[in-house]
Every structure is written in structure tokens, then in C-alpha cells.
Amino acid sequence: MRNPWISIACGLLAASAAPAETLMGSHVGSADPGTEGWTLDLAGVGATSGPLNDGGTPVWFVEDTSTEINSALWYRWQLAPDDLTTALSSGWRVRTELRAANSSGGGESQFFGFLTGSVAFQAHFRAETNGDLTVRLVEGFPPFSGPTYVVAGGALTYHSYELISDGISGTASLWIDGIETHTGYDGLAFGGTNGARFGCGTSGATGTVYVKSVDVWIADSVPVSVSPSFETAGWGELKARFK
């Protein structure tokens, strides 16, 4: 006789393997983000952007060539009020594939992140001379402060980076290439606008970021911070129900 618990478990896994998130916005390849629904928030002197074929990879690049305070350029995907409420109660996730290069000066210019309207969760990047990439979860500036992680060869090749939050905890986790690298990141106080954003920010640094993709998700009903893998999230739900 077939074990009924196995049948129930298989049913739960099949149900929970379906994405519990809604894709709100995306950037793909060398498409102009402005044509995909992104808002160009700031285009300061010394910063440029455009399509590029980066050694066979179609991308949208953003370059900051000046250390002046207004030499910044970034794009933002704004959430509607109801969607923001859902994101802050059920969870949100921003995932990007990018390569950052040509960094100089102090701090880290290239970044991606998520704004709640009162807090900025942002990962900033700095290309090192040996080809590695430093990733900082910004908690203060200037000068930039917050925990840093090194991605070997990250200035030379593309990697995936994710910021994931269950919303209600008020913190986020950083995932690099599908591996949870940092938890409990509480961001930086930052009022005003909301939504995901990427580009180069105002700092004493310069740099270029080659953006292959950006996806913005909000949770439908369960926290997305369980895992960026829907299959893994299924196992997490199963364990929670039977513990």
C-alpha cells in the first residue's frame, strides 16, 4: 500500500514548486530601460549610458567618469501603492546579472537595490585591479560603510546578485550566484521614492557597470526570502508544515 504521507508530501511539493512571486518589471540585454518601463531618475554630468555588445553579451552599460557629487545615472522601477504595500508585508526580490569594471576613486559607484520609501537596500560594486569585485551592502555614506564581500574574477565575468526580503522583518539577504552570502541587512535611511533601481550613484568614485538583466519581483503570499529557488522553497514549506 502506498504511504499516504508520501502522497501528501508530493502534492505539497508540486503545489509549492509554482512561483509564489509576481514579476513586476524587467530589463533585458541591450534594450533601453526607458522603453521597458524604467524611469531615468538622474542623468548627471559625467555619466553616460547606452547599448553595448560586451564580448558577445548584449548589455546596457552605465558609466560614471567623474568624482563630482552629481555625476550619477540610474534607472528605477516604481511600484504602485498597492504593490508596494504587498512588497513590504509579503516580500520582494531584485535579481541582476552584471559585470562592473574600471573603478577608481574612493567608495563604490555602481549599484543595484530596492527602495521602500524610507530605507534603501543597495549593493554597490568596485572593480579591483586584480580582476576581483568588491560588493558592499551600504549602511552609511559618506564615506561608504557596510559589510563587503569579494567575488573572485567578478570584474571580468558576469555573476548574479540578488537582494531578497520577506518584507515585514525590515531586512534583506544578499545572494551571489545562488548562494546566500549575508542575512539581516537593514539598509540605509533614505526617504522619498520607492522601487528597484540600478546604475551609477553619486560618490567620490568612478566606474562602469554592464547590466545583462534586472528582474523585480514581489511575493504573492509567502516570503520570498526562503530561497531564490522555487524548488528549494517547496522543501522549506514542506518542512514547516510537518515539523
Protein backbone atom coordinates (compact mmCIF):
# COMPACT_ATOMS: atom_id res chain seq x y z
CA MET A 1 0.00 0.00 0.00
CA ARG A 2 1.30 3.42 -0.90
CA ASN A 3 2.30 5.56 2.08
CA PRO A 4 -0.31 8.38 2.34
CA TRP A 5 2.31 10.75 3.80
CA ILE A 6 4.37 10.37 0.64
CA SER A 7 1.32 11.22 -1.46
CA ILE A 8 0.62 14.30 0.66
CA ALA A 9 4.27 15.35 0.52
CA CYS A 10 4.40 15.00 -3.26
CA GLY A 11 1.21 17.04 -3.57
CA LEU A 12 2.59 19.80 -1.38
CA LEU A 13 5.84 19.90 -3.32
CA ALA A 14 4.03 20.09 -6.64
CA ALA A 15 1.86 22.93 -5.37
CA SER A 16 4.63 24.88 -3.68
CA ALA A 17 7.06 24.49 -6.57
CA ALA A 18 4.97 27.00 -8.52
CA PRO A 19 6.35 30.53 -8.22
CA ALA A 20 4.91 32.40 -5.24
CA GLU A 21 6.02 35.69 -6.73
CA THR A 22 4.82 38.16 -9.33
CA LEU A 23 7.30 39.64 -11.80
CA MET A 24 6.74 43.39 -11.74
CA GLY A 25 9.41 44.62 -14.15
CA SER A 26 12.50 43.58 -16.09
CA HIS A 27 15.45 44.84 -18.02
CA VAL A 28 16.91 42.53 -20.66
CA GLY A 29 20.13 42.83 -22.65
CA SER A 30 20.84 45.94 -24.70
CA ALA A 31 17.25 47.25 -24.63
CA ASP A 32 16.86 50.84 -23.47
CA PRO A 33 15.41 50.61 -19.92
CA GLY A 34 13.28 53.64 -20.74
CA THR A 35 11.39 51.57 -23.31
CA GLU A 36 10.87 48.74 -20.81
CA GLY A 37 9.09 50.86 -18.19
CA TRP A 38 12.04 52.07 -16.14
CA THR A 39 12.30 55.73 -15.14
CA LEU A 40 15.56 57.61 -15.64
CA ASP A 41 15.80 59.24 -12.21
CA LEU A 42 19.04 61.13 -12.67
CA ALA A 43 21.43 61.76 -15.55
CA GLY A 44 24.20 63.94 -14.17
CA VAL A 45 27.21 65.48 -15.87
CA GLY A 46 29.98 62.94 -16.39
CA ALA A 47 27.64 59.93 -16.57
CA THR A 48 26.53 58.18 -19.75
CA SER A 49 24.61 55.05 -20.73
CA GLY A 50 23.71 53.04 -23.81
CA PRO A 51 23.56 49.66 -25.55
CA LEU A 52 26.70 47.58 -25.92
CA ASN A 53 27.90 44.19 -27.07
CA ASP A 54 30.32 43.22 -24.30
CA GLY A 55 32.37 40.45 -25.88
CA GLY A 56 29.27 38.73 -27.20
CA THR A 57 26.95 39.63 -24.30
CA PRO A 58 24.29 42.23 -25.12
CA VAL A 59 24.04 44.69 -22.20
CA TRP A 60 23.01 48.19 -21.22
CA PHE A 61 26.01 50.00 -19.77
CA VAL A 62 26.08 52.88 -17.31
CA GLU A 63 29.35 54.75 -16.85
CA ASP A 64 30.36 57.33 -14.25
CA THR A 65 33.53 59.13 -15.36
CA SER A 66 33.65 61.86 -12.71
CA THR A 67 34.05 62.05 -8.94
CA GLU A 68 31.76 65.08 -8.73
CA ILE A 69 28.74 64.65 -6.48
CA ASN A 70 26.18 64.88 -9.32
CA SER A 71 27.97 62.55 -11.75
CA ALA A 72 25.36 59.81 -11.47
CA LEU A 73 22.90 57.99 -13.70
CA TRP A 74 20.35 55.42 -12.63
CA TYR A 75 17.06 53.83 -13.58
CA ARG A 76 14.17 52.99 -11.24
CA TRP A 77 11.16 50.69 -11.46
CA GLN A 78 8.49 52.35 -9.33
CA LEU A 79 5.82 50.21 -7.67
CA ALA A 80 2.18 51.24 -7.50
CA PRO A 81 0.98 51.96 -3.92
CA ASP A 82 -0.84 48.62 -3.57
CA ASP A 83 2.15 46.71 -4.93
CA LEU A 84 4.49 48.48 -2.52
CA THR A 85 2.21 47.57 0.38
CA THR A 86 2.32 43.93 -0.71
CA ALA A 87 6.09 44.02 -1.08
CA LEU A 88 6.56 45.44 2.41
CA SER A 89 4.22 42.90 4.01
CA SER A 90 4.88 39.73 1.99
CA GLY A 91 8.31 40.29 0.46
CA TRP A 92 10.28 41.47 -2.55
CA ARG A 93 13.25 40.34 -4.61
CA VAL A 94 15.57 42.10 -7.06
CA ARG A 95 17.91 39.97 -9.17
CA THR A 96 20.54 41.17 -11.62
CA GLU A 97 23.28 39.74 -13.78
CA LEU A 98 26.07 42.24 -14.30
CA ARG A 99 29.76 42.96 -14.56
CA ALA A 100 31.37 46.04 -13.01
CA ALA A 101 34.71 47.41 -14.21
CA ASN A 102 37.02 50.44 -14.48
CA SER A 103 36.59 51.58 -10.88
CA SER A 104 38.68 54.38 -9.38
CA GLY A 105 38.48 56.89 -6.55
CA GLY A 106 37.01 56.35 -3.11
CA GLY A 107 33.91 54.26 -2.47
CA GLU A 108 31.79 52.28 -4.89
CA SER A 109 29.76 53.93 -7.66
CA GLN A 110 27.98 51.07 -9.48
CA PHE A 111 24.95 49.63 -7.71
CA PHE A 112 21.53 47.96 -7.70
CA GLY A 113 18.91 47.82 -4.99
CA PHE A 114 15.41 48.41 -3.69
CA LEU A 115 13.83 51.49 -2.08
CA THR A 116 10.94 51.15 0.37
CA GLY A 117 10.23 54.87 0.60
CA SER A 118 12.13 55.15 3.87
CA VAL A 119 15.02 52.67 3.52
CA ALA A 120 17.44 51.93 0.68
CA PHE A 121 18.71 48.37 0.36
CA GLN A 122 21.65 48.68 -2.04
CA ALA A 123 24.61 46.58 -3.13
CA HIS A 124 27.47 48.68 -4.52
CA PHE A 125 30.36 47.37 -6.60
CA ARG A 126 34.02 48.17 -7.04
CA ALA A 127 36.31 46.53 -9.58
CA GLU A 128 39.74 45.74 -8.14
CA THR A 129 42.97 45.87 -10.14
CA ASN A 130 43.40 42.09 -9.91
CA GLY A 131 40.05 41.46 -11.60
CA ASP A 132 38.09 40.71 -8.44
CA LEU A 133 34.91 42.56 -7.48
CA THR A 134 34.12 44.01 -4.06
CA VAL A 135 30.41 44.04 -3.16
CA ARG A 136 29.30 46.36 -0.36
CA LEU A 137 25.92 46.41 1.37
CA VAL A 138 25.68 50.12 2.03
CA GLU A 139 24.79 51.15 5.57
CA GLY A 140 26.20 54.68 5.52
CA PHE A 141 27.87 57.37 3.38
CA PRO A 142 29.97 59.41 3.02
CA PRO A 143 32.29 57.67 3.43
CA PHE A 144 30.72 54.37 2.37
CA SER A 145 30.30 51.86 5.17
CA GLY A 146 28.78 48.40 5.48
CA PRO A 147 29.85 44.75 5.11
CA THR A 148 31.83 43.81 1.99
CA TYR A 149 32.33 40.57 0.07
CA VAL A 150 34.78 39.71 -2.70
CA VAL A 151 33.74 37.89 -5.88
CA ALA A 152 36.81 36.34 -7.49
CA GLY A 153 37.07 37.47 -11.10
CA GLY A 154 33.83 39.44 -10.75
CA ALA A 155 35.20 42.38 -12.73
CA LEU A 156 35.98 40.08 -15.65
CA THR A 157 32.90 37.84 -15.87
CA TYR A 158 29.15 38.08 -15.27
CA HIS A 159 27.64 36.94 -11.98
CA SER A 160 24.15 37.00 -10.50
CA TYR A 161 23.34 39.15 -7.47
CA GLU A 162 20.07 39.20 -5.53
CA LEU A 163 18.62 41.20 -2.68
CA ILE A 164 15.72 39.32 -1.08
CA SER A 165 13.42 40.40 1.74
CA ASP A 166 10.43 38.89 3.50
CA GLY A 167 9.21 42.48 3.78
CA ILE A 168 7.86 42.52 7.29
CA SER A 169 11.22 41.90 9.03
CA GLY A 170 12.61 45.11 7.53
CA THR A 171 15.81 43.33 6.50
CA ALA A 172 17.18 41.72 3.35
CA SER A 173 19.64 39.00 2.41
CA LEU A 174 22.30 39.07 -0.29
CA TRP A 175 22.69 36.13 -2.65
CA ILE A 176 25.64 35.81 -5.01
CA ASP A 177 25.43 33.19 -7.76
CA GLY A 178 22.56 31.48 -5.91
CA ILE A 179 24.40 31.29 -2.57
CA GLU A 180 23.15 33.20 0.47
CA THR A 181 26.06 35.41 1.44
CA HIS A 182 24.62 37.81 4.03
CA THR A 183 21.47 37.94 6.17
CA GLY A 184 19.91 40.62 8.34
CA TYR A 185 20.90 43.59 6.17
CA ASP A 186 18.83 46.54 7.43
CA GLY A 187 19.75 49.06 4.74
CA LEU A 188 20.25 52.80 4.87
CA ALA A 189 17.73 55.50 5.83
CA PHE A 190 16.57 57.04 2.55
CA GLY A 191 13.23 58.80 2.13
CA GLY A 192 11.10 59.59 -0.89
CA THR A 193 10.93 57.31 -3.90
CA ASN A 194 10.34 53.56 -3.97
CA GLY A 195 11.06 50.57 -6.20
CA ALA A 196 14.08 48.80 -7.68
CA ARG A 197 16.94 50.72 -9.24
CA PHE A 198 20.33 50.23 -10.88
CA GLY A 199 23.13 52.31 -12.38
CA CYS A 200 25.89 54.53 -11.00
CA GLY A 201 25.36 56.69 -7.94
CA THR A 202 26.74 59.91 -6.53
CA SER A 203 30.07 59.26 -4.84
CA GLY A 204 33.76 60.07 -4.99
CA ALA A 205 34.26 57.03 -7.20
CA THR A 206 34.07 56.30 -10.92
CA GLY A 207 33.21 53.10 -12.72
CA THR A 208 31.26 51.27 -15.39
CA VAL A 209 28.56 48.65 -14.95
CA TYR A 210 27.45 46.31 -17.75
CA VAL A 211 23.92 45.15 -16.97
CA LYS A 212 22.75 41.95 -18.63
CA SER A 213 19.41 41.73 -16.81
CA VAL A 214 17.38 43.01 -13.87
CA ASP A 215 14.17 41.45 -12.51
CA VAL A 216 11.88 42.92 -9.85
CA TRP A 217 9.53 40.54 -8.01
CA ILE A 218 7.05 40.86 -5.16
CA ALA A 219 5.69 37.95 -3.13
CA ASP A 220 2.12 36.82 -3.66
CA SER A 221 1.57 35.33 -0.23
CA VAL A 222 4.68 33.67 1.23
CA PRO A 223 8.08 35.21 1.99
CA VAL A 224 10.47 35.15 -0.96
CA SER A 225 13.40 35.18 1.46
CA VAL A 226 13.11 31.41 1.92
CA SER A 227 15.22 30.92 -1.21
CA PRO A 228 15.54 32.24 -4.74
CA SER A 229 14.93 28.67 -5.89
CA PHE A 230 11.27 27.72 -6.15
CA GLU A 231 12.17 24.04 -5.73
CA THR A 232 14.07 24.78 -2.52
CA ALA A 233 11.20 26.95 -1.31
CA GLY A 234 8.95 23.92 -1.81
CA TRP A 235 11.08 21.84 0.54
CA GLY A 236 11.08 24.69 3.06
CA GLU A 237 7.28 24.82 3.05
CA LEU A 238 7.04 21.05 3.40
CA LYS A 239 9.40 21.02 6.40
CA ALA A 240 7.48 23.87 8.04
CA ARG A 241 4.19 22.01 7.74
CA PHE A 242 5.44 18.73 9.16
CA LYS A 243 7.89 19.82 11.86
